[in-house]
PDB file of N, CA and C in Angstrom:
ATOM      1  N   MET A   1      -2.066 -29.352 -17.632  1.00  0.00           N
ATOM      2  CA  MET A   1      -2.567 -30.422 -17.372  1.00  0.00           C
ATOM      3  C   MET A   1      -3.309 -30.408 -18.908  1.00  0.00           C
ATOM      4  N   ALA A   2      -3.302 -32.062 -19.542  1.00  0.00           N
ATOM      5  CA  ALA A   2      -4.073 -32.183 -20.331  1.00  0.00           C
ATOM      6  C   ALA A   2      -5.463 -32.645 -19.595  1.00  0.00           C
ATOM      7  N   THR A   3      -6.777 -32.263 -21.104  1.00  0.00           N
ATOM      8  CA  THR A   3      -8.099 -32.681 -20.521  1.00  0.00           C
ATOM      9  C   THR A   3      -8.632 -32.832 -21.306  1.00  0.00           C
ATOM     10  N   ARG A   4      -9.211 -33.942 -21.365  1.00  0.00           N
ATOM     11  CA  ARG A   4     -10.401 -34.850 -22.176  1.00  0.00           C
ATOM     12  C   ARG A   4     -11.588 -34.974 -22.059  1.00  0.00           C
ATOM     13  N   SER A   5     -13.152 -34.917 -23.970  1.00  0.00           N
ATOM     14  CA  SER A   5     -13.676 -34.656 -22.461  1.00  0.00           C
ATOM     15  C   SER A   5     -14.308 -35.770 -23.685  1.00  0.00           C
ATOM     16  N   THR A   6     -14.919 -36.762 -23.689  1.00  0.00           N
ATOM     17  CA  THR A   6     -15.979 -36.888 -24.317  1.00  0.00           C
ATOM     18  C   THR A   6     -17.189 -37.797 -24.113  1.00  0.00           C
ATOM     19  N   HIS A   7     -18.564 -37.408 -24.471  1.00  0.00           N
ATOM     20  CA  HIS A   7     -19.880 -37.546 -24.698  1.00  0.00           C
ATOM     21  C   HIS A   7     -20.119 -38.794 -25.673  1.00  0.00           C
ATOM     22  N   ILE A   8     -21.065 -39.659 -24.641  1.00  0.00           N
ATOM     23  CA  ILE A   8     -22.036 -40.655 -25.400  1.00  0.00           C
ATOM     24  C   ILE A   8     -22.819 -40.592 -24.811  1.00  0.00           C
ATOM     25  N   ARG A   9     -24.246 -41.866 -25.638  1.00  0.00           N
ATOM     26  CA  ARG A   9     -26.017 -41.527 -25.081  1.00  0.00           C
ATOM     27  C   ARG A   9     -25.024 -43.028 -24.862  1.00  0.00           C
ATOM     28  N   ILE A  10     -26.217 -43.114 -23.337  1.00  0.00           N
ATOM     29  CA  ILE A  10     -25.954 -44.960 -23.175  1.00  0.00           C
ATOM     30  C   ILE A  10     -27.786 -45.671 -23.446  1.00  0.00           C
ATOM     31  N   ASN A  11     -28.324 -46.791 -23.901  1.00  0.00           N
ATOM     32  CA  ASN A  11     -29.318 -46.635 -23.535  1.00  0.00           C
ATOM     33  C   ASN A  11     -29.471 -48.010 -22.307  1.00  0.00           C
ATOM     34  N   ALA A  12     -29.831 -46.746 -21.157  1.00  0.00           N
ATOM     35  CA  ALA A  12     -29.686 -47.633 -19.810  1.00  0.00           C
ATOM     36  C   ALA A  12     -30.047 -46.883 -19.166  1.00  0.00           C
ATOM     37  N   SER A  13     -30.700 -47.418 -18.134  1.00  0.00           N
ATOM     38  CA  SER A  13     -30.903 -45.849 -16.426  1.00  0.00           C
ATOM     39  C   SER A  13     -29.978 -45.692 -15.817  1.00  0.00           C
ATOM     40  N   LYS A  14     -29.926 -44.446 -15.678  1.00  0.00           N
ATOM     41  CA  LYS A  14     -29.086 -43.291 -14.608  1.00  0.00           C
ATOM     42  C   LYS A  14     -28.399 -44.568 -13.714  1.00  0.00           C
ATOM     43  N   GLU A  15     -29.403 -45.271 -12.623  1.00  0.00           N
ATOM     44  CA  GLU A  15     -29.018 -46.424 -11.926  1.00  0.00           C
ATOM     45  C   GLU A  15     -27.867 -47.382 -12.562  1.00  0.00           C
ATOM     46  N   GLN A  16     -28.389 -48.001 -13.473  1.00  0.00           N
ATOM     47  CA  GLN A  16     -27.376 -48.910 -14.649  1.00  0.00           C
ATOM     48  C   GLN A  16     -25.936 -48.009 -15.511  1.00  0.00           C
ATOM     49  N   VAL A  17     -25.965 -46.917 -15.342  1.00  0.00           N
ATOM     50  CA  VAL A  17     -24.866 -46.138 -16.060  1.00  0.00           C
ATOM     51  C   VAL A  17     -23.695 -45.947 -15.344  1.00  0.00           C
ATOM     52  N   TRP A  18     -24.791 -45.975 -13.486  1.00  0.00           N
ATOM     53  CA  TRP A  18     -23.269 -45.222 -12.071  1.00  0.00           C
ATOM     54  C   TRP A  18     -22.859 -46.287 -12.090  1.00  0.00           C
ATOM     55  N   ALA A  19     -23.252 -47.511 -11.920  1.00  0.00           N
ATOM     56  CA  ALA A  19     -23.318 -48.450 -11.155  1.00  0.00           C
ATOM     57  C   ALA A  19     -21.905 -49.277 -11.775  1.00  0.00           C
ATOM     58  N   VAL A  20     -22.036 -48.510 -12.823  1.00  0.00           N
ATOM     59  CA  VAL A  20     -20.613 -49.496 -13.977  1.00  0.00           C
ATOM     60  C   VAL A  20     -19.197 -48.179 -13.987  1.00  0.00           C
ATOM     61  N   LEU A  21     -19.688 -47.092 -14.251  1.00  0.00           N
ATOM     62  CA  LEU A  21     -19.026 -45.833 -13.974  1.00  0.00           C
ATOM     63  C   LEU A  21     -18.251 -46.009 -12.390  1.00  0.00           C
ATOM     64  N   SER A  22     -18.861 -46.014 -10.873  1.00  0.00           N
ATOM     65  CA  SER A  22     -18.728 -45.633  -9.691  1.00  0.00           C
ATOM     66  C   SER A  22     -17.735 -46.975  -9.140  1.00  0.00           C
ATOM     67  N   ASP A  23     -17.585 -47.969 -10.789  1.00  0.00           N
ATOM     68  CA  ASP A  23     -16.242 -48.939  -9.768  1.00  0.00           C
ATOM     69  C   ASP A  23     -14.755 -48.195 -10.559  1.00  0.00           C
ATOM     70  N   PHE A  24     -14.557 -47.286  -9.746  1.00  0.00           N
ATOM     71  CA  PHE A  24     -13.393 -46.657 -10.302  1.00  0.00           C
ATOM     72  C   PHE A  24     -12.375 -47.488 -11.420  1.00  0.00           C
ATOM     73  N   GLY A  25     -11.795 -48.385 -10.069  1.00  0.00           N
ATOM     74  CA  GLY A  25     -10.630 -49.020 -10.383  1.00  0.00           C
ATOM     75  C   GLY A  25     -11.413 -49.813 -12.123  1.00  0.00           C
ATOM     76  N   GLY A  26     -12.321 -49.526 -12.112  1.00  0.00           N
ATOM     77  CA  GLY A  26     -11.824 -50.955 -12.909  1.00  0.00           C
ATOM     78  C   GLY A  26     -12.843 -50.050 -14.478  1.00  0.00           C
ATOM     79  N   ILE A  27     -12.293 -49.550 -14.278  1.00  0.00           N
ATOM     80  CA  ILE A  27     -12.840 -48.668 -15.906  1.00  0.00           C
ATOM     81  C   ILE A  27     -12.145 -49.484 -17.748  1.00  0.00           C
ATOM     82  N   TYR A  28     -10.907 -50.718 -17.448  1.00  0.00           N
ATOM     83  CA  TYR A  28     -10.580 -50.983 -18.120  1.00  0.00           C
ATOM     84  C   TYR A  28     -11.585 -52.143 -18.817  1.00  0.00           C
ATOM     85  N   ARG A  29     -12.548 -52.046 -17.926  1.00  0.00           N
ATOM     86  CA  ARG A  29     -14.343 -52.834 -18.780  1.00  0.00           C
ATOM     87  C   ARG A  29     -15.024 -52.812 -19.995  1.00  0.00           C
ATOM     88  N   TRP A  30     -14.437 -51.598 -19.395  1.00  0.00           N
ATOM     89  CA  TRP A  30     -15.275 -50.487 -20.465  1.00  0.00           C
ATOM     90  C   TRP A  30     -14.730 -49.421 -21.421  1.00  0.00           C
ATOM     91  N   ASN A  31     -14.270 -49.025 -21.094  1.00  0.00           N
ATOM     92  CA  ASN A  31     -13.062 -48.573 -21.960  1.00  0.00           C
ATOM     93  C   ASN A  31     -12.294 -49.205 -23.034  1.00  0.00           C
ATOM     94  N   PRO A  32     -12.693 -49.726 -24.232  1.00  0.00           N
ATOM     95  CA  PRO A  32     -11.440 -49.980 -24.563  1.00  0.00           C
ATOM     96  C   PRO A  32     -10.395 -48.854 -25.575  1.00  0.00           C
ATOM     97  N   GLY A  33     -10.318 -48.585 -25.018  1.00  0.00           N
ATOM     98  CA  GLY A  33      -8.786 -47.370 -24.802  1.00  0.00           C
ATOM     99  C   GLY A  33      -7.281 -47.851 -23.420  1.00  0.00           C
ATOM    100  N   VAL A  34      -7.985 -48.700 -22.288  1.00  0.00           N
ATOM    101  CA  VAL A  34      -7.310 -49.199 -21.470  1.00  0.00           C
ATOM    102  C   VAL A  34      -7.393 -50.389 -21.586  1.00  0.00           C
ATOM    103  N   ARG A  35      -6.412 -51.452 -21.259  1.00  0.00           N
ATOM    104  CA  ARG A  35      -6.456 -52.794 -20.935  1.00  0.00           C
ATOM    105  C   ARG A  35      -5.831 -53.632 -20.577  1.00  0.00           C
ATOM    106  N   ASN A  36      -5.663 -52.846 -19.063  1.00  0.00           N
ATOM    107  CA  ASN A  36      -5.996 -53.407 -17.177  1.00  0.00           C
ATOM    108  C   ASN A  36      -5.609 -52.280 -16.459  1.00  0.00           C
ATOM    109  N   SER A  37      -6.849 -51.972 -15.464  1.00  0.00           N
ATOM    110  CA  SER A  37      -6.670 -50.695 -15.069  1.00  0.00           C
ATOM    111  C   SER A  37      -6.985 -51.308 -13.408  1.00  0.00           C
ATOM    112  N   PHE A  38      -7.089 -50.985 -11.910  1.00  0.00           N
ATOM    113  CA  PHE A  38      -6.662 -51.706 -11.256  1.00  0.00           C
ATOM    114  C   PHE A  38      -6.658 -50.072  -9.423  1.00  0.00           C
ATOM    115  N   SER A  39      -7.138 -50.455  -8.966  1.00  0.00           N
ATOM    116  CA  SER A  39      -7.510 -49.520  -8.054  1.00  0.00           C
ATOM    117  C   SER A  39      -6.230 -49.174  -7.098  1.00  0.00           C
ATOM    118  N   THR A  40      -5.744 -48.198  -6.847  1.00  0.00           N
ATOM    119  CA  THR A  40      -4.043 -48.237  -6.494  1.00  0.00           C
ATOM    120  C   THR A  40      -4.033 -47.403  -4.214  1.00  0.00           C
ATOM    121  N   PHE A  41      -5.655 -47.408  -4.191  1.00  0.00           N
ATOM    122  CA  PHE A  41      -4.949 -47.348  -2.140  1.00  0.00           C
ATOM    123  C   PHE A  41      -6.441 -47.874  -2.054  1.00  0.00           C
ATOM    124  N   TYR A  42      -7.051 -47.596  -0.818  1.00  0.00           N
ATOM    125  CA  TYR A  42      -7.261 -48.551   0.219  1.00  0.00           C
ATOM    126  C   TYR A  42      -9.094 -48.395  -0.103  1.00  0.00           C
ATOM    127  N   ILE A  43      -9.705 -46.482  -0.350  1.00  0.00           N
ATOM    128  CA  ILE A  43     -10.303 -46.145  -0.630  1.00  0.00           C
ATOM    129  C   ILE A  43     -10.630 -46.861  -2.530  1.00  0.00           C
ATOM    130  N   LYS A  44     -11.446 -47.356  -2.523  1.00  0.00           N
ATOM    131  CA  LYS A  44     -11.993 -47.452  -3.740  1.00  0.00           C
ATOM    132  C   LYS A  44     -13.270 -46.579  -4.554  1.00  0.00           C
ATOM    133  N   LYS A  45     -14.123 -45.984  -4.237  1.00  0.00           N
ATOM    134  CA  LYS A  45     -15.023 -45.109  -4.568  1.00  0.00           C
ATOM    135  C   LYS A  45     -15.137 -43.706  -4.354  1.00  0.00           C
ATOM    136  N   GLY A  46     -15.328 -42.783  -4.664  1.00  0.00           N
ATOM    137  CA  GLY A  46     -15.193 -41.822  -3.826  1.00  0.00           C
ATOM    138  C   GLY A  46     -14.023 -40.618  -4.405  1.00  0.00           C
ATOM    139  N   ILE A  47     -14.069 -39.929  -2.719  1.00  0.00           N
ATOM    140  CA  ILE A  47     -12.644 -38.093  -3.187  1.00  0.00           C
ATOM    141  C   ILE A  47     -11.959 -38.723  -2.314  1.00  0.00           C
ATOM    142  N   LEU A  48     -10.421 -39.551  -3.556  1.00  0.00           N
ATOM    143  CA  LEU A  48      -9.189 -39.640  -3.842  1.00  0.00           C
ATOM    144  C   LEU A  48      -8.678 -41.140  -3.641  1.00  0.00           C
ATOM    145  N   ALA A  49     -10.373 -41.862  -4.303  1.00  0.00           N
ATOM    146  CA  ALA A  49     -10.371 -42.879  -4.819  1.00  0.00           C
ATOM    147  C   ALA A  49      -9.340 -42.571  -6.209  1.00  0.00           C
ATOM    148  N   THR A  50      -7.978 -43.350  -6.421  1.00  0.00           N
ATOM    149  CA  THR A  50      -6.644 -43.804  -7.461  1.00  0.00           C
ATOM    150  C   THR A  50      -6.608 -44.453  -8.179  1.00  0.00           C
ATOM    151  N   ARG A  51      -6.081 -44.906  -9.312  1.00  0.00           N
ATOM    152  CA  ARG A  51      -6.549 -46.399 -10.211  1.00  0.00           C
ATOM    153  C   ARG A  51      -5.135 -46.405 -10.852  1.00  0.00           C
ATOM    154  N   ARG A  52      -4.669 -47.349 -11.589  1.00  0.00           N
ATOM    155  CA  ARG A  52      -3.399 -47.141 -12.411  1.00  0.00           C
ATOM    156  C   ARG A  52      -4.092 -47.486 -13.868  1.00  0.00           C
ATOM    157  N   CYS A  53      -4.648 -46.349 -14.424  1.00  0.00           N
ATOM    158  CA  CYS A  53      -4.971 -47.580 -16.803  1.00  0.00           C
ATOM    159  C   CYS A  53      -3.812 -47.902 -17.438  1.00  0.00           C
ATOM    160  N   GLU A  54      -3.313 -48.650 -17.732  1.00  0.00           N
ATOM    161  CA  GLU A  54      -2.726 -49.441 -18.964  1.00  0.00           C
ATOM    162  C   GLU A  54      -3.364 -49.235 -20.255  1.00  0.00           C
ATOM    163  N   LEU A  55      -2.515 -48.075 -20.953  1.00  0.00           N
ATOM    164  CA  LEU A  55      -3.417 -47.074 -21.844  1.00  0.00           C
ATOM    165  C   LEU A  55      -3.098 -48.241 -23.606  1.00  0.00           C
ATOM    166  N   LEU A  56      -3.952 -48.738 -24.300  1.00  0.00           N
ATOM    167  CA  LEU A  56      -4.000 -49.311 -25.809  1.00  0.00           C
ATOM    168  C   LEU A  56      -3.141 -48.098 -26.377  1.00  0.00           C
ATOM    169  N   PRO A  57      -2.332 -48.398 -27.137  1.00  0.00           N
ATOM    170  CA  PRO A  57      -2.005 -49.595 -28.038  1.00  0.00           C
ATOM    171  C   PRO A  57      -0.349 -49.641 -26.469  1.00  0.00           C
ATOM    172  N   GLY A  58       0.272 -49.656 -27.100  1.00  0.00           N
ATOM    173  CA  GLY A  58       2.254 -50.039 -25.954  1.00  0.00           C
ATOM    174  C   GLY A  58       2.170 -49.961 -24.621  1.00  0.00           C
ATOM    175  N   ASP A  59       3.209 -49.324 -24.364  1.00  0.00           N
ATOM    176  CA  ASP A  59       3.468 -50.177 -22.318  1.00  0.00           C
ATOM    177  C   ASP A  59       2.647 -48.659 -21.515  1.00  0.00           C
ATOM    178  N   ASP A  60       2.159 -47.495 -22.553  1.00  0.00           N
ATOM    179  CA  ASP A  60       1.799 -46.411 -21.943  1.00  0.00           C
ATOM    180  C   ASP A  60       0.735 -47.046 -20.988  1.00  0.00           C
ATOM    181  N   TYR A  61       1.218 -45.966 -19.140  1.00  0.00           N
ATOM    182  CA  TYR A  61       0.063 -45.634 -18.699  1.00  0.00           C
ATOM    183  C   TYR A  61      -0.076 -44.843 -17.744  1.00  0.00           C
ATOM    184  N   LEU A  62      -1.360 -44.459 -17.062  1.00  0.00           N
ATOM    185  CA  LEU A  62      -1.459 -42.756 -16.551  1.00  0.00           C
ATOM    186  C   LEU A  62      -2.125 -43.213 -15.017  1.00  0.00           C
ATOM    187  N   TYR A  63      -2.067 -42.273 -13.653  1.00  0.00           N
ATOM    188  CA  TYR A  63      -2.793 -42.935 -13.343  1.00  0.00           C
ATOM    189  C   TYR A  63      -3.302 -41.529 -12.505  1.00  0.00           C
ATOM    190  N   GLU A  64      -5.169 -42.213 -12.055  1.00  0.00           N
ATOM    191  CA  GLU A  64      -5.373 -40.732 -12.413  1.00  0.00           C
ATOM    192  C   GLU A  64      -5.967 -41.280 -10.128  1.00  0.00           C
ATOM    193  N   ARG A  65      -6.124 -39.888  -9.972  1.00  0.00           N
ATOM    194  CA  ARG A  65      -7.139 -39.721  -8.468  1.00  0.00           C
ATOM    195  C   ARG A  65      -8.662 -38.446  -8.808  1.00  0.00           C
ATOM    196  N   VAL A  66      -9.689 -39.055  -8.254  1.00  0.00           N
ATOM    197  CA  VAL A  66     -10.568 -38.299  -8.085  1.00  0.00           C
ATOM    198  C   VAL A  66     -10.225 -37.297  -7.882  1.00  0.00           C
ATOM    199  N   LEU A  67     -11.331 -35.763  -7.740  1.00  0.00           N
ATOM    200  CA  LEU A  67     -10.879 -34.844  -7.705  1.00  0.00           C
ATOM    201  C   LEU A  67     -12.181 -34.417  -6.885  1.00  0.00           C
ATOM    202  N   GLU A  68     -13.004 -34.347  -7.213  1.00  0.00           N
ATOM    203  CA  GLU A  68     -14.121 -34.689  -7.364  1.00  0.00           C
ATOM    204  C   GLU A  68     -15.348 -35.835  -6.866  1.00  0.00           C
ATOM    205  N   TRP A  69     -16.524 -36.058  -6.309  1.00  0.00           N
ATOM    206  CA  TRP A  69     -17.402 -37.120  -6.480  1.00  0.00           C
ATOM    207  C   TRP A  69     -18.775 -36.469  -6.521  1.00  0.00           C
ATOM    208  N   VAL A  70     -19.471 -36.692  -7.137  1.00  0.00           N
ATOM    209  CA  VAL A  70     -21.195 -36.925  -6.652  1.00  0.00           C
ATOM    210  C   VAL A  70     -22.396 -37.865  -6.662  1.00  0.00           C
ATOM    211  N   GLU A  71     -22.269 -39.062  -5.499  1.00  0.00           N
ATOM    212  CA  GLU A  71     -22.744 -39.906  -5.512  1.00  0.00           C
ATOM    213  C   GLU A  71     -23.690 -39.872  -6.827  1.00  0.00           C
ATOM    214  N   GLY A  72     -23.688 -41.596  -7.388  1.00  0.00           N
ATOM    215  CA  GLY A  72     -25.083 -42.029  -7.836  1.00  0.00           C
ATOM    216  C   GLY A  72     -25.285 -40.002  -9.751  1.00  0.00           C
ATOM    217  N   GLU A  73     -24.285 -39.764  -9.494  1.00  0.00           N
ATOM    218  CA  GLU A  73     -24.125 -38.232 -10.623  1.00  0.00           C
ATOM    219  C   GLU A  73     -23.085 -38.182 -11.746  1.00  0.00           C
ATOM    220  N   SER A  74     -22.116 -38.129 -11.076  1.00  0.00           N
ATOM    221  CA  SER A  74     -20.739 -37.546 -11.646  1.00  0.00           C
ATOM    222  C   SER A  74     -19.379 -37.891 -10.714  1.00  0.00           C
ATOM    223  N   PHE A  75     -18.036 -37.697 -11.472  1.00  0.00           N
ATOM    224  CA  PHE A  75     -16.551 -37.066 -10.563  1.00  0.00           C
ATOM    225  C   PHE A  75     -16.026 -36.901 -12.021  1.00  0.00           C
ATOM    226  N   LYS A  76     -15.406 -36.181 -11.338  1.00  0.00           N
ATOM    227  CA  LYS A  76     -14.140 -35.734 -12.729  1.00  0.00           C
ATOM    228  C   LYS A  76     -12.839 -35.736 -12.162  1.00  0.00           C
ATOM    229  N   VAL A  77     -11.421 -36.678 -12.218  1.00  0.00           N
ATOM    230  CA  VAL A  77     -10.593 -37.365 -11.782  1.00  0.00           C
ATOM    231  C   VAL A  77      -9.212 -36.021 -12.050  1.00  0.00           C
TER     232      VAL A  77
END
């Protein structure tokens, strides 16, 4: 299994950042490497939420599922 990790500093409150990141299907709104994304299951947040990400450049895509979710703190896919 591939692993990718990155870190950035964001000039916003923890609550503001979580509001953006917890929109699991909306990663395309803030990740410049994702052309489009959407939820693929009726669970939109938390354990078992899934999404499809269409990647840039090209026509590649991937499916991701939340494996761990700590509300207001973090999640792992």
